[in-house]
C-alpha atoms as a PDB file:
ATOM      1  CA  MET A   1     147.380 -13.561 -70.053  1.00  0.00           C
ATOM      2  CA  SER A   2     146.065 -10.682 -67.995  1.00  0.00           C
ATOM      3  CA  VAL A   3     146.085 -11.101 -64.226  1.00  0.00           C
ATOM      4  CA  ASN A   4     143.873  -8.084 -63.477  1.00  0.00           C
ATOM      5  CA  LEU A   5     140.458  -9.506 -64.274  1.00  0.00           C
ATOM      6  CA  SER A   6     137.282  -7.617 -63.495  1.00  0.00           C
ATOM      7  CA  GLY A   7     134.771  -9.138 -61.109  1.00  0.00           C
ATOM      8  CA  GLU A   8     132.405  -9.656 -64.036  1.00  0.00           C
ATOM      9  CA  VAL A   9     134.996 -11.675 -65.978  1.00  0.00           C
ATOM     10  CA  ILE A  10     135.926 -13.709 -62.884  1.00  0.00           C
ATOM     11  CA  ASN A  11     132.260 -14.567 -62.283  1.00  0.00           C
ATOM     12  CA  LYS A  12     131.670 -15.406 -65.954  1.00  0.00           C
ATOM     13  CA  ASN A  13     134.779 -17.621 -65.955  1.00  0.00           C
ATOM     14  CA  LYS A  14     133.467 -19.501 -62.911  1.00  0.00           C
ATOM     15  CA  LEU A  15     130.137 -20.053 -64.666  1.00  0.00           C
ATOM     16  CA  LEU A  16     131.900 -21.336 -67.785  1.00  0.00           C
ATOM     17  CA  VAL A  17     134.074 -23.738 -65.765  1.00  0.00           C
ATOM     18  CA  GLU A  18     130.892 -25.103 -64.152  1.00  0.00           C
ATOM     19  CA  ALA A  19     129.181 -25.348 -67.558  1.00  0.00           C
ATOM     20  CA  PHE A  20     132.208 -27.212 -68.949  1.00  0.00           C
ATOM     21  CA  HIS A  21     132.118 -29.633 -66.013  1.00  0.00           C
ATOM     22  CA  ASN A  22     128.396 -30.247 -66.623  1.00  0.00           C
ATOM     23  CA  MET A  23     129.048 -30.841 -70.332  1.00  0.00           C
ATOM     24  CA  LYS A  24     131.697 -33.457 -69.494  1.00  0.00           C
ATOM     25  CA  GLU A  25     129.222 -35.159 -67.156  1.00  0.00           C
ATOM     26  CA  CYS A  26     126.537 -35.118 -69.852  1.00  0.00           C
ATOM     27  CA  ILE A  27     128.887 -36.849 -72.286  1.00  0.00           C
ATOM     28  CA  LYS A  28     129.687 -39.499 -69.700  1.00  0.00           C
ATOM     29  CA  ARG A  29     125.996 -40.130 -68.995  1.00  0.00           C
ATOM     30  CA  ILE A  30     125.303 -40.604 -72.696  1.00  0.00           C
ATOM     31  CA  GLN A  31     128.295 -42.926 -72.960  1.00  0.00           C
ATOM     32  CA  TYR A  32     126.774 -45.195 -70.277  1.00  0.00           C
ATOM     33  CA  TRP A  33     124.082 -46.129 -72.813  1.00  0.00           C
ATOM     34  CA  LEU A  34     126.381 -46.829 -75.760  1.00  0.00           C
ATOM     35  CA  GLU A  35     127.223 -50.470 -76.284  1.00  0.00           C
ATOM     36  CA  GLU A  36     130.289 -50.071 -78.528  1.00  0.00           C
ATOM     37  CA  GLU A  37     133.435 -49.601 -76.426  1.00  0.00           C
ATOM     38  CA  TRP A  38     135.070 -47.087 -78.832  1.00  0.00           C
ATOM     39  CA  LEU A  39     132.083 -44.764 -78.305  1.00  0.00           C
ATOM     40  CA  ARG A  40     132.637 -44.936 -74.530  1.00  0.00           C
ATOM     41  CA  VAL A  41     136.310 -43.883 -74.653  1.00  0.00           C
ATOM     42  CA  ASN A  42     136.923 -40.357 -73.440  1.00  0.00           C
ATOM     43  CA  VAL A  43     140.090 -38.386 -73.042  1.00  0.00           C
ATOM     44  CA  ILE A  44     140.473 -35.450 -70.697  1.00  0.00           C
ATOM     45  CA  SER A  45     143.394 -33.259 -71.751  1.00  0.00           C
ATOM     46  CA  ASP A  46     144.821 -30.756 -69.276  1.00  0.00           C
ATOM     47  CA  PHE A  47     146.338 -28.212 -71.625  1.00  0.00           C
ATOM     48  CA  SER A  48     147.135 -25.837 -68.772  1.00  0.00           C
ATOM     49  CA  LYS A  49     150.111 -28.163 -68.174  1.00  0.00           C
ATOM     50  CA  ASP A  50     151.048 -28.405 -71.869  1.00  0.00           C
ATOM     51  CA  ASP A  51     153.185 -25.671 -73.439  1.00  0.00           C
ATOM     52  CA  ARG A  52     151.971 -26.599 -76.934  1.00  0.00           C
ATOM     53  CA  ALA A  53     148.547 -24.998 -76.417  1.00  0.00           C
ATOM     54  CA  LYS A  54     148.450 -21.344 -75.446  1.00  0.00           C
ATOM     55  CA  TYR A  55     144.692 -20.792 -75.396  1.00  0.00           C
ATOM     56  CA  ILE A  56     143.176 -24.196 -74.518  1.00  0.00           C
ATOM     57  CA  LEU A  57     142.950 -24.968 -70.807  1.00  0.00           C
ATOM     58  CA  ASP A  58     140.972 -28.205 -70.640  1.00  0.00           C
ATOM     59  CA  GLN A  59     139.412 -30.502 -73.210  1.00  0.00           C
ATOM     60  CA  VAL A  60     137.272 -33.611 -73.369  1.00  0.00           C
ATOM     61  CA  GLY A  61     137.367 -35.723 -76.497  1.00  0.00           C
ATOM     62  CA  THR A  62     135.283 -38.682 -77.630  1.00  0.00           C
ATOM     63  CA  SER A  63     134.666 -40.321 -80.979  1.00  0.00           C
ATOM     64  CA  PHE A  64     131.548 -38.159 -81.416  1.00  0.00           C
ATOM     65  CA  CYS A  65     132.477 -34.742 -79.968  1.00  0.00           C
ATOM     66  CA  VAL A  66     135.324 -32.603 -78.670  1.00  0.00           C
ATOM     67  CA  ILE A  67     134.658 -29.828 -76.175  1.00  0.00           C
ATOM     68  CA  SER A  68     137.319 -27.332 -75.143  1.00  0.00           C
ATOM     69  CA  LEU A  69     137.533 -24.769 -72.376  1.00  0.00           C
ATOM     70  CA  GLY A  70     139.802 -21.984 -73.512  1.00  0.00           C
ATOM     71  CA  THR A  71     140.907 -18.482 -72.746  1.00  0.00           C
ATOM     72  CA  CYS A  72     142.102 -15.393 -74.579  1.00  0.00           C
ATOM     73  CA  ASP A  73     144.927 -12.943 -73.888  1.00  0.00           C
ATOM     74  CA  GLU A  74     142.583 -10.906 -71.677  1.00  0.00           C
ATOM     75  CA  GLY A  75     141.777 -13.951 -69.498  1.00  0.00           C
ATOM     76  CA  GLU A  76     138.137 -14.372 -70.528  1.00  0.00           C
ATOM     77  CA  TYR A  77     137.083 -18.021 -70.884  1.00  0.00           C
ATOM     78  CA  SER A  78     135.109 -19.601 -73.704  1.00  0.00           C
ATOM     79  CA  ILE A  79     133.849 -23.045 -74.649  1.00  0.00           C
ATOM     80  CA  ALA A  80     134.274 -24.464 -78.155  1.00  0.00           C
ATOM     81  CA  LEU A  81     132.137 -27.390 -79.296  1.00  0.00           C
ATOM     82  CA  SER A  82     133.067 -29.652 -82.207  1.00  0.00           C
ATOM     83  CA  ILE A  83     130.670 -32.350 -83.328  1.00  0.00           C
ATOM     84  CA  ASP A  84     131.587 -35.382 -85.429  1.00  0.00           C
ATOM     85  CA  SER A  85     130.088 -35.351 -88.916  1.00  0.00           C
ATOM     86  CA  GLN A  86     128.727 -38.867 -88.302  1.00  0.00           C
ATOM     87  CA  ILE A  87     127.284 -38.260 -84.818  1.00  0.00           C
ATOM     88  CA  ASN A  88     123.789 -39.470 -85.744  1.00  0.00           C
ATOM     89  CA  GLU A  89     125.162 -42.720 -87.159  1.00  0.00           C
ATOM     90  CA  LYS A  90     127.455 -43.227 -84.167  1.00  0.00           C
ATOM     91  CA  ILE A  91     125.205 -42.504 -81.198  1.00  0.00           C
ATOM     92  CA  GLY A  92     121.787 -42.187 -82.868  1.00  0.00           C
ATOM     93  CA  TYR A  93     119.477 -39.228 -83.383  1.00  0.00           C
ATOM     94  CA  TYR A  94     118.039 -39.515 -79.872  1.00  0.00           C
ATOM     95  CA  PHE A  95     121.370 -39.171 -78.033  1.00  0.00           C
ATOM     96  CA  ALA A  96     122.714 -36.626 -80.533  1.00  0.00           C
ATOM     97  CA  SER A  97     119.653 -34.435 -79.888  1.00  0.00           C
ATOM     98  CA  ILE A  98     120.003 -34.822 -76.130  1.00  0.00           C
ATOM     99  CA  LEU A  99     123.694 -33.926 -76.295  1.00  0.00           C
ATOM    100  CA  LEU A 100     123.199 -30.753 -78.330  1.00  0.00           C
ATOM    101  CA  ARG A 101     120.221 -29.633 -76.265  1.00  0.00           C
ATOM    102  CA  ARG A 102     122.011 -30.202 -72.959  1.00  0.00           C
ATOM    103  CA  LEU A 103     125.226 -28.510 -74.062  1.00  0.00           C
ATOM    104  CA  PHE A 104     123.341 -25.280 -74.542  1.00  0.00           C
ATOM    105  CA  GLU A 105     121.099 -25.738 -71.480  1.00  0.00           C
ATOM    106  CA  PHE A 106     124.245 -25.766 -69.346  1.00  0.00           C
ATOM    107  CA  THR A 107     125.270 -22.388 -70.733  1.00  0.00           C
ATOM    108  CA  PRO A 108     124.123 -19.491 -68.543  1.00  0.00           C
ATOM    109  CA  GLU A 109     122.450 -16.705 -70.525  1.00  0.00           C
ATOM    110  CA  SER A 110     125.168 -14.284 -69.421  1.00  0.00           C
ATOM    111  CA  CYS A 111     127.758 -16.536 -71.095  1.00  0.00           C
ATOM    112  CA  ALA A 112     125.901 -17.281 -74.341  1.00  0.00           C
ATOM    113  CA  ASN A 113     128.447 -15.380 -76.442  1.00  0.00           C
ATOM    114  CA  ASN A 114     131.274 -17.418 -74.911  1.00  0.00           C
ATOM    115  CA  VAL A 115     130.006 -20.825 -76.106  1.00  0.00           C
ATOM    116  CA  ARG A 116     130.227 -21.653 -79.789  1.00  0.00           C
ATOM    117  CA  ILE A 117     129.975 -24.597 -82.111  1.00  0.00           C
ATOM    118  CA  MET A 118     133.242 -24.439 -83.997  1.00  0.00           C
ATOM    119  CA  ASN A 119     132.853 -27.457 -86.236  1.00  0.00           C
ATOM    120  CA  PHE A 120     129.862 -29.588 -87.273  1.00  0.00           C
ATOM    121  CA  SER A 121     131.985 -31.890 -89.392  1.00  0.00           C
ATOM    122  CA  LYS A 122     134.975 -32.802 -87.238  1.00  0.00           C
ATOM    123  CA  ASP A 123     136.549 -36.222 -87.641  1.00  0.00           C
ATOM    124  CA  CYS A 124     136.513 -37.075 -83.942  1.00  0.00           C
ATOM    125  CA  ASP A 125     137.762 -40.623 -84.567  1.00  0.00           C
ATOM    126  CA  ASP A 126     140.915 -39.174 -86.099  1.00  0.00           C
ATOM    127  CA  TYR A 127     141.263 -36.703 -83.223  1.00  0.00           C
ATOM    128  CA  LEU A 128     140.806 -39.429 -80.603  1.00  0.00           C
ATOM    129  CA  THR A 129     143.309 -41.707 -82.311  1.00  0.00           C
ATOM    130  CA  LYS A 130     145.923 -38.916 -82.359  1.00  0.00           C
ATOM    131  CA  VAL A 131     145.408 -38.092 -78.684  1.00  0.00           C
ATOM    132  CA  LEU A 132     145.581 -41.764 -77.671  1.00  0.00           C
ATOM    133  CA  ASP A 133     148.828 -42.019 -79.655  1.00  0.00           C
ATOM    134  CA  GLU A 134     150.184 -38.959 -77.811  1.00  0.00           C
ATOM    135  CA  LYS A 135     149.231 -40.540 -74.481  1.00  0.00           C
ATOM    136  CA  GLU A 136     151.035 -43.748 -75.414  1.00  0.00           C
ATOM    137  CA  LYS A 137     154.163 -41.759 -76.366  1.00  0.00           C
ATOM    138  CA  GLY A 138     154.031 -39.715 -73.148  1.00  0.00           C
ATOM    139  CA  VAL A 139     153.254 -36.463 -74.957  1.00  0.00           C
ATOM    140  CA  GLY A 140     150.877 -34.016 -73.295  1.00  0.00           C
ATOM    141  CA  CYS A 141     148.790 -34.457 -70.180  1.00  0.00           C
ATOM    142  CA  HIS A 142     145.932 -36.777 -71.158  1.00  0.00           C
ATOM    143  CA  SER A 143     143.764 -38.939 -68.952  1.00  0.00           C
ATOM    144  CA  VAL A 144     141.991 -41.798 -70.755  1.00  0.00           C
ATOM    145  CA  SER A 145     138.986 -43.702 -69.472  1.00  0.00           C
ATOM    146  CA  VAL A 146     136.263 -45.966 -70.801  1.00  0.00           C
ATOM    147  CA  THR A 147     132.818 -45.304 -69.389  1.00  0.00           C
ATOM    148  CA  PRO A 148     131.223 -48.593 -68.307  1.00  0.00           C
ATOM    149  CA  PHE A 149     128.236 -49.790 -70.359  1.00  0.00           C
ATOM    150  CA  GLU A 150     125.096 -49.723 -68.262  1.00  0.00           C
ATOM    151  CA  GLY A 151     122.451 -49.623 -70.992  1.00  0.00           C
END
């Protein structure tokens, strides 16, 4: 990865890190309202400490979405959004709409080209199960938590 980043790229990267943080917080706030425990599980994966992933830096995964902060060889960050194909059935139309709307509201206009929906039909349950299995086996750098139900 390039170490000589322009001021514009550095500033854009800072904005994308902040947007990613806000997206993680949004997910957590939605999870507070979900009664089913599986829907409140989230995994934060620090891929910057994992040699298996060259371009992913940080990732949050739930049973209804996976959001990744990544980089390219030139050092410019991006955010990839993957939404579970059954999101409406899992968290309801209301929370699904809020989630999608907020994810893009957190994206500064100057970074719009750096945030993309990569998959509208991801099997997030399968993803979450695999990551939880990795955590149990000591593979990767994953932090697992269950957001308390406050609905």
